[in-house]
Amino acid sequence: MIGPGTGVRVYLACGATDMRKGIAGLSALAQDVLRQKPTSGAVFAFRGRKGDRLKLLYWDGQGFCLYYKVLERGRFPWPNTEAGVARLTSAQLAMLWEGIDWRRPDWGAPPARVG
C-alpha cells in the first residue's frame, strides 16, 4: 500500500461508520467524533456495519488520500470500546489492512533452549 509510512499516529473510529461517506464526511467525523484535526497527518480508520469494509483517511500535506478495502471473506478486527476512539501503531495498522487481528498477533513460541 502506498501510504503514510512508519511512525504515523492512527485513530480508529469505534463502532460502525456509513461507508457512503466520502472525504468530506469522514474528515468531519475525525474532527467532531474523534476530536482530532483531519489535516494533522494522522491516519483515521473507519469500518462499515458488516465489518468487511474499511476506509482510511490520510492528509499527505497536499491533499486527502482515501483508501478503501473490501474483504472477500472475513471481517476486519475492531475494538469493542465505549470511548469512541482507539489508537494503533503503524505496525498494527499494517496488520489491520491485511485483515490480521492486530489485538492478538501470534508471534510464535520462544526458543525451547538457548545456547
PDB file of N, CA and C in Angstrom:
ATOM      1  N   MET A   1       0.848  -1.173   0.000  1.00  0.00           N
ATOM      2  CA  MET A   1       0.000   0.000   0.000  1.00  0.00           C
ATOM      3  C   MET A   1       0.892   1.234   0.000  1.00  0.00           C
ATOM      4  N   ILE A   2       0.652   2.160  -0.866  1.00  0.00           N
ATOM      5  CA  ILE A   2       1.331   3.442  -0.856  1.00  0.00           C
ATOM      6  C   ILE A   2       0.639   4.270   0.213  1.00  0.00           C
ATOM      7  N   GLY A   3       1.386   4.698   1.202  1.00  0.00           N
ATOM      8  CA  GLY A   3       0.707   5.388   2.283  1.00  0.00           C
ATOM      9  C   GLY A   3       1.639   6.159   3.183  1.00  0.00           C
ATOM     10  N   PRO A   4       1.193   6.370   4.395  1.00  0.00           N
ATOM     11  CA  PRO A   4       1.867   7.276   5.310  1.00  0.00           C
ATOM     12  C   PRO A   4       3.206   6.795   5.861  1.00  0.00           C
ATOM     13  N   GLY A   5       3.495   5.524   5.838  1.00  0.00           N
ATOM     14  CA  GLY A   5       4.772   5.031   6.341  1.00  0.00           C
ATOM     15  C   GLY A   5       4.742   4.727   7.827  1.00  0.00           C
ATOM     16  N   THR A   6       5.919   4.553   8.402  1.00  0.00           N
ATOM     17  CA  THR A   6       6.009   4.159   9.804  1.00  0.00           C
ATOM     18  C   THR A   6       5.980   5.381  10.715  1.00  0.00           C
ATOM     19  N   GLY A   7       5.619   5.142  11.950  1.00  0.00           N
ATOM     20  CA  GLY A   7       5.621   6.196  12.945  1.00  0.00           C
ATOM     21  C   GLY A   7       4.436   7.142  12.899  1.00  0.00           C
ATOM     22  N   VAL A   8       3.469   6.861  12.078  1.00  0.00           N
ATOM     23  CA  VAL A   8       2.299   7.732  11.963  1.00  0.00           C
ATOM     24  C   VAL A   8       1.307   7.402  13.083  1.00  0.00           C
ATOM     25  N   ARG A   9       0.573   8.409  13.531  1.00  0.00           N
ATOM     26  CA  ARG A   9      -0.491   8.191  14.512  1.00  0.00           C
ATOM     27  C   ARG A   9      -1.710   7.630  13.782  1.00  0.00           C
ATOM     28  N   VAL A  10      -2.360   6.655  14.408  1.00  0.00           N
ATOM     29  CA  VAL A  10      -3.528   6.011  13.796  1.00  0.00           C
ATOM     30  C   VAL A  10      -4.678   6.045  14.792  1.00  0.00           C
ATOM     31  N   TYR A  11      -5.827   6.513  14.342  1.00  0.00           N
ATOM     32  CA  TYR A  11      -7.022   6.579  15.172  1.00  0.00           C
ATOM     33  C   TYR A  11      -8.125   5.762  14.520  1.00  0.00           C
ATOM     34  N   LEU A  12      -8.740   4.872  15.308  1.00  0.00           N
ATOM     35  CA  LEU A  12      -9.874   4.088  14.828  1.00  0.00           C
ATOM     36  C   LEU A  12     -11.160   4.679  15.372  1.00  0.00           C
ATOM     37  N   ALA A  13     -12.131   4.866  14.512  1.00  0.00           N
ATOM     38  CA  ALA A  13     -13.459   5.300  14.927  1.00  0.00           C
ATOM     39  C   ALA A  13     -14.225   4.049  15.335  1.00  0.00           C
ATOM     40  N   CYS A  14     -14.336   3.812  16.633  1.00  0.00           N
ATOM     41  CA  CYS A  14     -15.017   2.613  17.122  1.00  0.00           C
ATOM     42  C   CYS A  14     -16.495   2.679  16.755  1.00  0.00           C
ATOM     43  N   GLY A  15     -17.078   1.529  16.524  1.00  0.00           N
ATOM     44  CA  GLY A  15     -18.453   1.466  16.068  1.00  0.00           C
ATOM     45  C   GLY A  15     -18.505   1.439  14.552  1.00  0.00           C
ATOM     46  N   ALA A  16     -19.710   1.435  14.021  1.00  0.00           N
ATOM     47  CA  ALA A  16     -19.903   1.354  12.571  1.00  0.00           C
ATOM     48  C   ALA A  16     -19.995   2.746  11.962  1.00  0.00           C
ATOM     49  N   THR A  17     -19.450   2.875  10.761  1.00  0.00           N
ATOM     50  CA  THR A  17     -19.492   4.123  10.007  1.00  0.00           C
ATOM     51  C   THR A  17     -20.225   3.881   8.693  1.00  0.00           C
ATOM     52  N   ASP A  18     -20.998   4.853   8.274  1.00  0.00           N
ATOM     53  CA  ASP A  18     -21.694   4.779   6.994  1.00  0.00           C
ATOM     54  C   ASP A  18     -20.646   4.842   5.882  1.00  0.00           C
ATOM     55  N   MET A  19     -20.484   3.763   5.145  1.00  0.00           N
ATOM     56  CA  MET A  19     -19.450   3.682   4.119  1.00  0.00           C
ATOM     57  C   MET A  19     -19.779   4.494   2.869  1.00  0.00           C
ATOM     58  N   ARG A  20     -20.932   5.144   2.843  1.00  0.00           N
ATOM     59  CA  ARG A  20     -21.246   6.046   1.732  1.00  0.00           C
ATOM     60  C   ARG A  20     -20.536   7.385   1.893  1.00  0.00           C
ATOM     61  N   LYS A  21     -20.001   7.642   3.073  1.00  0.00           N
ATOM     62  CA  LYS A  21     -19.313   8.908   3.325  1.00  0.00           C
ATOM     63  C   LYS A  21     -18.024   8.981   2.515  1.00  0.00           C
ATOM     64  N   GLY A  22     -17.756  10.153   2.018  1.00  0.00           N
ATOM     65  CA  GLY A  22     -16.527  10.403   1.281  1.00  0.00           C
ATOM     66  C   GLY A  22     -15.540  11.172   2.140  1.00  0.00           C
ATOM     67  N   ILE A  23     -14.624  11.860   1.496  1.00  0.00           N
ATOM     68  CA  ILE A  23     -13.578  12.580   2.213  1.00  0.00           C
ATOM     69  C   ILE A  23     -14.160  13.654   3.132  1.00  0.00           C
ATOM     70  N   ALA A  24     -15.100  14.430   2.662  1.00  0.00           N
ATOM     71  CA  ALA A  24     -15.675  15.497   3.484  1.00  0.00           C
ATOM     72  C   ALA A  24     -16.384  14.941   4.715  1.00  0.00           C
ATOM     73  N   GLY A  25     -17.188  13.908   4.530  1.00  0.00           N
ATOM     74  CA  GLY A  25     -17.915  13.313   5.649  1.00  0.00           C
ATOM     75  C   GLY A  25     -17.006  12.645   6.664  1.00  0.00           C
ATOM     76  N   LEU A  26     -15.979  11.944   6.174  1.00  0.00           N
ATOM     77  CA  LEU A  26     -15.052  11.267   7.086  1.00  0.00           C
ATOM     78  C   LEU A  26     -14.163  12.266   7.817  1.00  0.00           C
ATOM     79  N   SER A  27     -13.754  13.336   7.155  1.00  0.00           N
ATOM     80  CA  SER A  27     -12.946  14.335   7.849  1.00  0.00           C
ATOM     81  C   SER A  27     -13.772  15.059   8.906  1.00  0.00           C
ATOM     82  N   ALA A  28     -15.071  15.228   8.666  1.00  0.00           N
ATOM     83  CA  ALA A  28     -15.955  15.802   9.682  1.00  0.00           C
ATOM     84  C   ALA A  28     -16.066  14.867  10.887  1.00  0.00           C
ATOM     85  N   LEU A  29     -16.139  13.554  10.641  1.00  0.00           N
ATOM     86  CA  LEU A  29     -16.156  12.586  11.747  1.00  0.00           C
ATOM     87  C   LEU A  29     -14.854  12.625  12.539  1.00  0.00           C
ATOM     88  N   ALA A  30     -13.744  12.738  11.844  1.00  0.00           N
ATOM     89  CA  ALA A  30     -12.448  12.811  12.521  1.00  0.00           C
ATOM     90  C   ALA A  30     -12.397  14.018  13.437  1.00  0.00           C
ATOM     91  N   GLN A  31     -12.949  15.119  12.980  1.00  0.00           N
ATOM     92  CA  GLN A  31     -12.919  16.346  13.773  1.00  0.00           C
ATOM     93  C   GLN A  31     -13.951  16.332  14.893  1.00  0.00           C
ATOM     94  N   ASP A  32     -15.193  15.951  14.599  1.00  0.00           N
ATOM     95  CA  ASP A  32     -16.278  16.062  15.572  1.00  0.00           C
ATOM     96  C   ASP A  32     -16.349  14.886  16.537  1.00  0.00           C
ATOM     97  N   VAL A  33     -16.154  13.678  16.046  1.00  0.00           N
ATOM     98  CA  VAL A  33     -16.296  12.487  16.888  1.00  0.00           C
ATOM     99  C   VAL A  33     -14.970  12.090  17.532  1.00  0.00           C
ATOM    100  N   LEU A  34     -13.914  12.057  16.727  1.00  0.00           N
ATOM    101  CA  LEU A  34     -12.613  11.628  17.239  1.00  0.00           C
ATOM    102  C   LEU A  34     -11.844  12.774  17.899  1.00  0.00           C
ATOM    103  N   ARG A  35     -12.320  14.001  17.720  1.00  0.00           N
ATOM    104  CA  ARG A  35     -11.695  15.189  18.311  1.00  0.00           C
ATOM    105  C   ARG A  35     -10.246  15.372  17.878  1.00  0.00           C
ATOM    106  N   GLN A  36      -9.989  15.128  16.583  1.00  0.00           N
ATOM    107  CA  GLN A  36      -8.654  15.275  16.016  1.00  0.00           C
ATOM    108  C   GLN A  36      -8.726  16.172  14.793  1.00  0.00           C
ATOM    109  N   LYS A  37      -7.634  16.827  14.502  1.00  0.00           N
ATOM    110  CA  LYS A  37      -7.553  17.687  13.320  1.00  0.00           C
ATOM    111  C   LYS A  37      -7.318  16.790  12.100  1.00  0.00           C
ATOM    112  N   PRO A  38      -8.216  16.779  11.127  1.00  0.00           N
ATOM    113  CA  PRO A  38      -8.081  15.879   9.973  1.00  0.00           C
ATOM    114  C   PRO A  38      -6.810  16.096   9.157  1.00  0.00           C
ATOM    115  N   THR A  39      -6.266  17.310   9.179  1.00  0.00           N
ATOM    116  CA  THR A  39      -5.065  17.616   8.404  1.00  0.00           C
ATOM    117  C   THR A  39      -3.779  17.497   9.232  1.00  0.00           C
ATOM    118  N   SER A  40      -3.835  16.744  10.325  1.00  0.00           N
ATOM    119  CA  SER A  40      -2.676  16.616  11.221  1.00  0.00           C
ATOM    120  C   SER A  40      -1.619  15.636  10.713  1.00  0.00           C
ATOM    121  N   GLY A  41      -1.947  14.863   9.686  1.00  0.00           N
ATOM    122  CA  GLY A  41      -1.017  13.850   9.195  1.00  0.00           C
ATOM    123  C   GLY A  41      -1.266  12.479   9.796  1.00  0.00           C
ATOM    124  N   ALA A  42      -2.268  12.377  10.655  1.00  0.00           N
ATOM    125  CA  ALA A  42      -2.644  11.086  11.236  1.00  0.00           C
ATOM    126  C   ALA A  42      -3.512  10.314  10.247  1.00  0.00           C
ATOM    127  N   VAL A  43      -3.609   9.013  10.468  1.00  0.00           N
ATOM    128  CA  VAL A  43      -4.486   8.157   9.672  1.00  0.00           C
ATOM    129  C   VAL A  43      -5.746   7.896  10.496  1.00  0.00           C
ATOM    130  N   PHE A  44      -6.888   8.022   9.861  1.00  0.00           N
ATOM    131  CA  PHE A  44      -8.169   7.781  10.513  1.00  0.00           C
ATOM    132  C   PHE A  44      -8.820   6.573   9.848  1.00  0.00           C
ATOM    133  N   ALA A  45      -9.165   5.575  10.643  1.00  0.00           N
ATOM    134  CA  ALA A  45      -9.731   4.323  10.122  1.00  0.00           C
ATOM    135  C   ALA A  45     -11.204   4.229  10.499  1.00  0.00           C
ATOM    136  N   PHE A  46     -12.024   3.816   9.526  1.00  0.00           N
ATOM    137  CA  PHE A  46     -13.465   3.676   9.705  1.00  0.00           C
ATOM    138  C   PHE A  46     -13.896   2.328   9.133  1.00  0.00           C
ATOM    139  N   ARG A  47     -14.748   1.612   9.871  1.00  0.00           N
ATOM    140  CA  ARG A  47     -15.219   0.298   9.423  1.00  0.00           C
ATOM    141  C   ARG A  47     -16.725   0.341   9.212  1.00  0.00           C
ATOM    142  N   GLY A  48     -17.186  -0.382   8.202  1.00  0.00           N
ATOM    143  CA  GLY A  48     -18.613  -0.461   7.899  1.00  0.00           C
ATOM    144  C   GLY A  48     -19.365  -1.358   8.864  1.00  0.00           C
ATOM    145  N   ARG A  49     -20.679  -1.345   8.735  1.00  0.00           N
ATOM    146  CA  ARG A  49     -21.554  -2.081   9.642  1.00  0.00           C
ATOM    147  C   ARG A  49     -21.321  -3.597   9.613  1.00  0.00           C
ATOM    148  N   LYS A  50     -21.135  -4.171   8.425  1.00  0.00           N
ATOM    149  CA  LYS A  50     -20.928  -5.621   8.322  1.00  0.00           C
ATOM    150  C   LYS A  50     -19.511  -6.042   8.706  1.00  0.00           C
ATOM    151  N   GLY A  51     -18.607  -5.086   8.774  1.00  0.00           N
ATOM    152  CA  GLY A  51     -17.242  -5.382   9.196  1.00  0.00           C
ATOM    153  C   GLY A  51     -16.307  -5.795   8.079  1.00  0.00           C
ATOM    154  N   ASP A  52     -16.816  -5.866   6.853  1.00  0.00           N
ATOM    155  CA  ASP A  52     -15.964  -6.310   5.742  1.00  0.00           C
ATOM    156  C   ASP A  52     -15.406  -5.147   4.920  1.00  0.00           C
ATOM    157  N   ARG A  53     -15.717  -3.910   5.311  1.00  0.00           N
ATOM    158  CA  ARG A  53     -15.264  -2.734   4.570  1.00  0.00           C
ATOM    159  C   ARG A  53     -14.496  -1.794   5.503  1.00  0.00           C
ATOM    160  N   LEU A  54     -13.410  -1.259   4.963  1.00  0.00           N
ATOM    161  CA  LEU A  54     -12.550  -0.384   5.744  1.00  0.00           C
ATOM    162  C   LEU A  54     -12.144   0.813   4.888  1.00  0.00           C
ATOM    163  N   LYS A  55     -12.232   2.006   5.475  1.00  0.00           N
ATOM    164  CA  LYS A  55     -11.757   3.221   4.812  1.00  0.00           C
ATOM    165  C   LYS A  55     -10.717   3.868   5.702  1.00  0.00           C
ATOM    166  N   LEU A  56      -9.620   4.292   5.087  1.00  0.00           N
ATOM    167  CA  LEU A  56      -8.568   5.028   5.773  1.00  0.00           C
ATOM    168  C   LEU A  56      -8.489   6.416   5.151  1.00  0.00           C
ATOM    169  N   LEU A  57      -8.477   7.422   5.990  1.00  0.00           N
ATOM    170  CA  LEU A  57      -8.365   8.805   5.550  1.00  0.00           C
ATOM    171  C   LEU A  57      -7.036   9.350   6.040  1.00  0.00           C
ATOM    172  N   TYR A  58      -6.288   9.994   5.147  1.00  0.00           N
ATOM    173  CA  TYR A  58      -4.953  10.472   5.467  1.00  0.00           C
ATOM    174  C   TYR A  58      -4.656  11.760   4.712  1.00  0.00           C
ATOM    175  N   TRP A  59      -4.138  12.764   5.404  1.00  0.00           N
ATOM    176  CA  TRP A  59      -3.701  14.011   4.788  1.00  0.00           C
ATOM    177  C   TRP A  59      -2.207  13.899   4.536  1.00  0.00           C
ATOM    178  N   ASP A  60      -1.772  14.004   3.285  1.00  0.00           N
ATOM    179  CA  ASP A  60      -0.354  13.815   2.961  1.00  0.00           C
ATOM    180  C   ASP A  60       0.424  15.116   2.851  1.00  0.00           C
ATOM    181  N   GLY A  61      -0.205  16.232   3.194  1.00  0.00           N
ATOM    182  CA  GLY A  61       0.456  17.521   3.117  1.00  0.00           C
ATOM    183  C   GLY A  61      -0.011  18.342   1.924  1.00  0.00           C
ATOM    184  N   GLN A  62      -0.540  17.663   0.906  1.00  0.00           N
ATOM    185  CA  GLN A  62      -1.044  18.353  -0.284  1.00  0.00           C
ATOM    186  C   GLN A  62      -2.542  18.170  -0.464  1.00  0.00           C
ATOM    187  N   GLY A  63      -3.057  17.086   0.082  1.00  0.00           N
ATOM    188  CA  GLY A  63      -4.473  16.787  -0.055  1.00  0.00           C
ATOM    189  C   GLY A  63      -4.809  15.513   0.687  1.00  0.00           C
ATOM    190  N   PHE A  64      -6.084  15.162   0.683  1.00  0.00           N
ATOM    191  CA  PHE A  64      -6.535  13.957   1.366  1.00  0.00           C
ATOM    192  C   PHE A  64      -6.360  12.728   0.472  1.00  0.00           C
ATOM    193  N   CYS A  65      -5.957  11.636   1.081  1.00  0.00           N
ATOM    194  CA  CYS A  65      -5.923  10.326   0.429  1.00  0.00           C
ATOM    195  C   CYS A  65      -6.995   9.479   1.095  1.00  0.00           C
ATOM    196  N   LEU A  66      -7.762   8.768   0.307  1.00  0.00           N
ATOM    197  CA  LEU A  66      -8.796   7.893   0.835  1.00  0.00           C
ATOM    198  C   LEU A  66      -8.535   6.490   0.310  1.00  0.00           C
ATOM    199  N   TYR A  67      -8.271   5.572   1.235  1.00  0.00           N
ATOM    200  CA  TYR A  67      -8.032   4.168   0.886  1.00  0.00           C
ATOM    201  C   TYR A  67      -9.283   3.384   1.277  1.00  0.00           C
ATOM    202  N   TYR A  68      -9.688   2.475   0.409  1.00  0.00           N
ATOM    203  CA  TYR A  68     -10.917   1.702   0.639  1.00  0.00           C
ATOM    204  C   TYR A  68     -10.633   0.249   0.326  1.00  0.00           C
ATOM    205  N   LYS A  69     -10.979  -0.628   1.262  1.00  0.00           N
ATOM    206  CA  LYS A  69     -10.753  -2.055   1.046  1.00  0.00           C
ATOM    207  C   LYS A  69     -11.987  -2.833   1.464  1.00  0.00           C
ATOM    208  N   VAL A  70     -12.353  -3.811   0.639  1.00  0.00           N
ATOM    209  CA  VAL A  70     -13.465  -4.716   0.927  1.00  0.00           C
ATOM    210  C   VAL A  70     -12.906  -6.131   0.968  1.00  0.00           C
ATOM    211  N   LEU A  71     -13.108  -6.818   2.088  1.00  0.00           N
ATOM    212  CA  LEU A  71     -12.649  -8.199   2.202  1.00  0.00           C
ATOM    213  C   LEU A  71     -13.630  -9.135   1.515  1.00  0.00           C
ATOM    214  N   GLU A  72     -13.115 -10.083   0.775  1.00  0.00           N
ATOM    215  CA  GLU A  72     -13.967 -11.095   0.144  1.00  0.00           C
ATOM    216  C   GLU A  72     -14.490 -12.094   1.180  1.00  0.00           C
ATOM    217  N   ARG A  73     -13.647 -12.400   2.164  1.00  0.00           N
ATOM    218  CA  ARG A  73     -14.046 -13.306   3.252  1.00  0.00           C
ATOM    219  C   ARG A  73     -13.596 -12.706   4.572  1.00  0.00           C
ATOM    220  N   GLY A  74     -14.369 -12.915   5.602  1.00  0.00           N
ATOM    221  CA  GLY A  74     -13.990 -12.472   6.934  1.00  0.00           C
ATOM    222  C   GLY A  74     -14.365 -11.021   7.211  1.00  0.00           C
ATOM    223  N   ARG A  75     -13.889 -10.569   8.372  1.00  0.00           N
ATOM    224  CA  ARG A  75     -14.182  -9.219   8.838  1.00  0.00           C
ATOM    225  C   ARG A  75     -12.912  -8.580   9.379  1.00  0.00           C
ATOM    226  N   PHE A  76     -12.864  -7.274   9.319  1.00  0.00           N
ATOM    227  CA  PHE A  76     -11.748  -6.558   9.917  1.00  0.00           C
ATOM    228  C   PHE A  76     -11.905  -6.576  11.436  1.00  0.00           C
ATOM    229  N   PRO A  77     -10.849  -6.929  12.172  1.00  0.00           N
ATOM    230  CA  PRO A  77     -10.937  -6.917  13.633  1.00  0.00           C
ATOM    231  C   PRO A  77     -11.111  -5.493  14.136  1.00  0.00           C
ATOM    232  N   TRP A  78     -12.000  -5.311  15.102  1.00  0.00           N
ATOM    233  CA  TRP A  78     -12.328  -3.977  15.580  1.00  0.00           C
ATOM    234  C   TRP A  78     -12.503  -4.001  17.081  1.00  0.00           C
ATOM    235  N   PRO A  79     -12.078  -2.979  17.787  1.00  0.00           N
ATOM    236  CA  PRO A  79     -12.195  -2.974  19.249  1.00  0.00           C
ATOM    237  C   PRO A  79     -13.626  -2.731  19.708  1.00  0.00           C
ATOM    238  N   ASN A  80     -13.945  -3.293  20.846  1.00  0.00           N
ATOM    239  CA  ASN A  80     -15.222  -3.031  21.499  1.00  0.00           C
ATOM    240  C   ASN A  80     -14.944  -2.068  22.636  1.00  0.00           C
ATOM    241  N   THR A  81     -15.097  -0.795  22.366  1.00  0.00           N
ATOM    242  CA  THR A  81     -14.830   0.208  23.382  1.00  0.00           C
ATOM    243  C   THR A  81     -15.900   1.276  23.334  1.00  0.00           C
ATOM    244  N   GLU A  82     -16.206   1.801  24.482  1.00  0.00           N
ATOM    245  CA  GLU A  82     -17.213   2.851  24.578  1.00  0.00           C
ATOM    246  C   GLU A  82     -16.598   4.232  24.354  1.00  0.00           C
ATOM    247  N   ALA A  83     -15.278   4.309  24.337  1.00  0.00           N
ATOM    248  CA  ALA A  83     -14.604   5.596  24.219  1.00  0.00           C
ATOM    249  C   ALA A  83     -14.840   6.259  22.861  1.00  0.00           C
ATOM    250  N   GLY A  84     -15.150   5.482  21.842  1.00  0.00           N
ATOM    251  CA  GLY A  84     -15.389   6.038  20.526  1.00  0.00           C
ATOM    252  C   GLY A  84     -14.150   6.129  19.665  1.00  0.00           C
ATOM    253  N   VAL A  85     -12.969   6.004  20.272  1.00  0.00           N
ATOM    254  CA  VAL A  85     -11.725   6.087  19.526  1.00  0.00           C
ATOM    255  C   VAL A  85     -10.692   5.168  20.160  1.00  0.00           C
ATOM    256  N   ALA A  86      -9.852   4.586  19.314  1.00  0.00           N
ATOM    257  CA  ALA A  86      -8.743   3.754  19.780  1.00  0.00           C
ATOM    258  C   ALA A  86      -7.499   4.170  19.004  1.00  0.00           C
ATOM    259  N   ARG A  87      -6.335   4.054  19.631  1.00  0.00           N
ATOM    260  CA  ARG A  87      -5.063   4.384  18.977  1.00  0.00           C
ATOM    261  C   ARG A  87      -4.347   3.112  18.583  1.00  0.00           C
ATOM    262  N   LEU A  88      -3.727   3.119  17.413  1.00  0.00           N
ATOM    263  CA  LEU A  88      -2.939   1.997  16.920  1.00  0.00           C
ATOM    264  C   LEU A  88      -1.553   2.486  16.533  1.00  0.00           C
ATOM    265  N   THR A  89      -0.614   1.557  16.459  1.00  0.00           N
ATOM    266  CA  THR A  89       0.698   1.863  15.915  1.00  0.00           C
ATOM    267  C   THR A  89       0.642   1.649  14.402  1.00  0.00           C
ATOM    268  N   SER A  90       1.669   2.083  13.704  1.00  0.00           N
ATOM    269  CA  SER A  90       1.694   1.870  12.257  1.00  0.00           C
ATOM    270  C   SER A  90       1.802   0.381  11.930  1.00  0.00           C
ATOM    271  N   ALA A  91       2.469  -0.399  12.800  1.00  0.00           N
ATOM    272  CA  ALA A  91       2.548  -1.850  12.596  1.00  0.00           C
ATOM    273  C   ALA A  91       1.175  -2.494  12.750  1.00  0.00           C
ATOM    274  N   GLN A  92       0.413  -2.052  13.742  1.00  0.00           N
ATOM    275  CA  GLN A  92      -0.940  -2.582  13.923  1.00  0.00           C
ATOM    276  C   GLN A  92      -1.833  -2.187  12.758  1.00  0.00           C
ATOM    277  N   LEU A  93      -1.636  -0.991  12.205  1.00  0.00           N
ATOM    278  CA  LEU A  93      -2.398  -0.573  11.030  1.00  0.00           C
ATOM    279  C   LEU A  93      -2.112  -1.484   9.849  1.00  0.00           C
ATOM    280  N   ALA A  94      -0.849  -1.855   9.658  1.00  0.00           N
ATOM    281  CA  ALA A  94      -0.493  -2.759   8.562  1.00  0.00           C
ATOM    282  C   ALA A  94      -1.184  -4.107   8.727  1.00  0.00           C
ATOM    283  N   MET A  95      -1.241  -4.609   9.966  1.00  0.00           N
ATOM    284  CA  MET A  95      -1.942  -5.878  10.214  1.00  0.00           C
ATOM    285  C   MET A  95      -3.434  -5.728   9.960  1.00  0.00           C
ATOM    286  N   LEU A  96      -4.017  -4.631  10.427  1.00  0.00           N
ATOM    287  CA  LEU A  96      -5.442  -4.378  10.212  1.00  0.00           C
ATOM    288  C   LEU A  96      -5.767  -4.363   8.729  1.00  0.00           C
ATOM    289  N   TRP A  97      -4.968  -3.659   7.933  1.00  0.00           N
ATOM    290  CA  TRP A  97      -5.197  -3.539   6.488  1.00  0.00           C
ATOM    291  C   TRP A  97      -5.187  -4.906   5.816  1.00  0.00           C
ATOM    292  N   GLU A  98      -4.377  -5.838   6.337  1.00  0.00           N
ATOM    293  CA  GLU A  98      -4.309  -7.191   5.778  1.00  0.00           C
ATOM    294  C   GLU A  98      -5.374  -8.121   6.354  1.00  0.00           C
ATOM    295  N   GLY A  99      -6.182  -7.620   7.284  1.00  0.00           N
ATOM    296  CA  GLY A  99      -7.240  -8.440   7.884  1.00  0.00           C
ATOM    297  C   GLY A  99      -6.746  -9.299   9.028  1.00  0.00           C
ATOM    298  N   ILE A 100      -5.531  -9.050   9.509  1.00  0.00           N
ATOM    299  CA  ILE A 100      -4.952  -9.803  10.625  1.00  0.00           C
ATOM    300  C   ILE A 100      -5.437  -9.175  11.924  1.00  0.00           C
ATOM    301  N   ASP A 101      -5.741 -10.018  12.908  1.00  0.00           N
ATOM    302  CA  ASP A 101      -6.197  -9.497  14.192  1.00  0.00           C
ATOM    303  C   ASP A 101      -5.022  -8.860  14.923  1.00  0.00           C
ATOM    304  N   TRP A 102      -4.917  -7.561  14.872  1.00  0.00           N
ATOM    305  CA  TRP A 102      -3.821  -6.807  15.462  1.00  0.00           C
ATOM    306  C   TRP A 102      -3.881  -6.805  16.978  1.00  0.00           C
ATOM    307  N   ARG A 103      -5.015  -7.210  17.570  1.00  0.00           N
ATOM    308  CA  ARG A 103      -5.148  -7.225  19.029  1.00  0.00           C
ATOM    309  C   ARG A 103      -4.450  -8.418  19.655  1.00  0.00           C
ATOM    310  N   ARG A 104      -4.332  -9.539  18.911  1.00  0.00           N
ATOM    311  CA  ARG A 104      -3.718 -10.758  19.436  1.00  0.00           C
ATOM    312  C   ARG A 104      -2.824 -11.397  18.377  1.00  0.00           C
ATOM    313  N   PRO A 105      -1.739 -10.734  17.989  1.00  0.00           N
ATOM    314  CA  PRO A 105      -0.865 -11.359  16.981  1.00  0.00           C
ATOM    315  C   PRO A 105      -0.175 -12.586  17.556  1.00  0.00           C
ATOM    316  N   ASP A 106       0.017 -13.573  16.731  1.00  0.00           N
ATOM    317  CA  ASP A 106       0.684 -14.805  17.145  1.00  0.00           C
ATOM    318  C   ASP A 106       2.147 -14.697  16.738  1.00  0.00           C
ATOM    319  N   TRP A 107       3.006 -14.410  17.701  1.00  0.00           N
ATOM    320  CA  TRP A 107       4.422 -14.223  17.425  1.00  0.00           C
ATOM    321  C   TRP A 107       5.193 -15.533  17.477  1.00  0.00           C
ATOM    322  N   GLY A 108       4.526 -16.614  17.822  1.00  0.00           N
ATOM    323  CA  GLY A 108       5.194 -17.901  17.913  1.00  0.00           C
ATOM    324  C   GLY A 108       5.824 -18.104  19.278  1.00  0.00           C
ATOM    325  N   ALA A 109       6.273 -19.298  19.513  1.00  0.00           N
ATOM    326  CA  ALA A 109       6.869 -19.651  20.808  1.00  0.00           C
ATOM    327  C   ALA A 109       8.333 -19.240  20.841  1.00  0.00           C
ATOM    328  N   PRO A 110       8.823 -18.869  22.011  1.00  0.00           N
ATOM    329  CA  PRO A 110      10.261 -18.568  22.130  1.00  0.00           C
ATOM    330  C   PRO A 110      11.066 -19.863  22.026  1.00  0.00           C
ATOM    331  N   PRO A 111      12.345 -19.759  21.783  1.00  0.00           N
ATOM    332  CA  PRO A 111      13.163 -20.971  21.682  1.00  0.00           C
ATOM    333  C   PRO A 111      13.087 -21.795  22.967  1.00  0.00           C
ATOM    334  N   ALA A 112      13.026 -23.110  22.799  1.00  0.00           N
ATOM    335  CA  ALA A 112      12.954 -24.000  23.969  1.00  0.00           C
ATOM    336  C   ALA A 112      14.273 -24.019  24.720  1.00  0.00           C
ATOM    337  N   ARG A 113      15.346 -23.884  23.990  1.00  0.00           N
ATOM    338  CA  ARG A 113      16.662 -23.973  24.609  1.00  0.00           C
ATOM    339  C   ARG A 113      17.585 -22.936  23.984  1.00  0.00           C
ATOM    340  N   VAL A 114      18.287 -22.239  24.807  1.00  0.00           N
ATOM    341  CA  VAL A 114      19.216 -21.230  24.321  1.00  0.00           C
ATOM    342  C   VAL A 114      20.634 -21.672  24.651  1.00  0.00           C
ATOM    343  N   GLY A 115      21.509 -21.627  23.668  1.00  0.00           N
ATOM    344  CA  GLY A 115      22.921 -21.942  23.916  1.00  0.00           C
ATOM    345  C   GLY A 115      23.333 -23.334  23.700  1.00  0.00           C
TER     346      GLY A 115
END
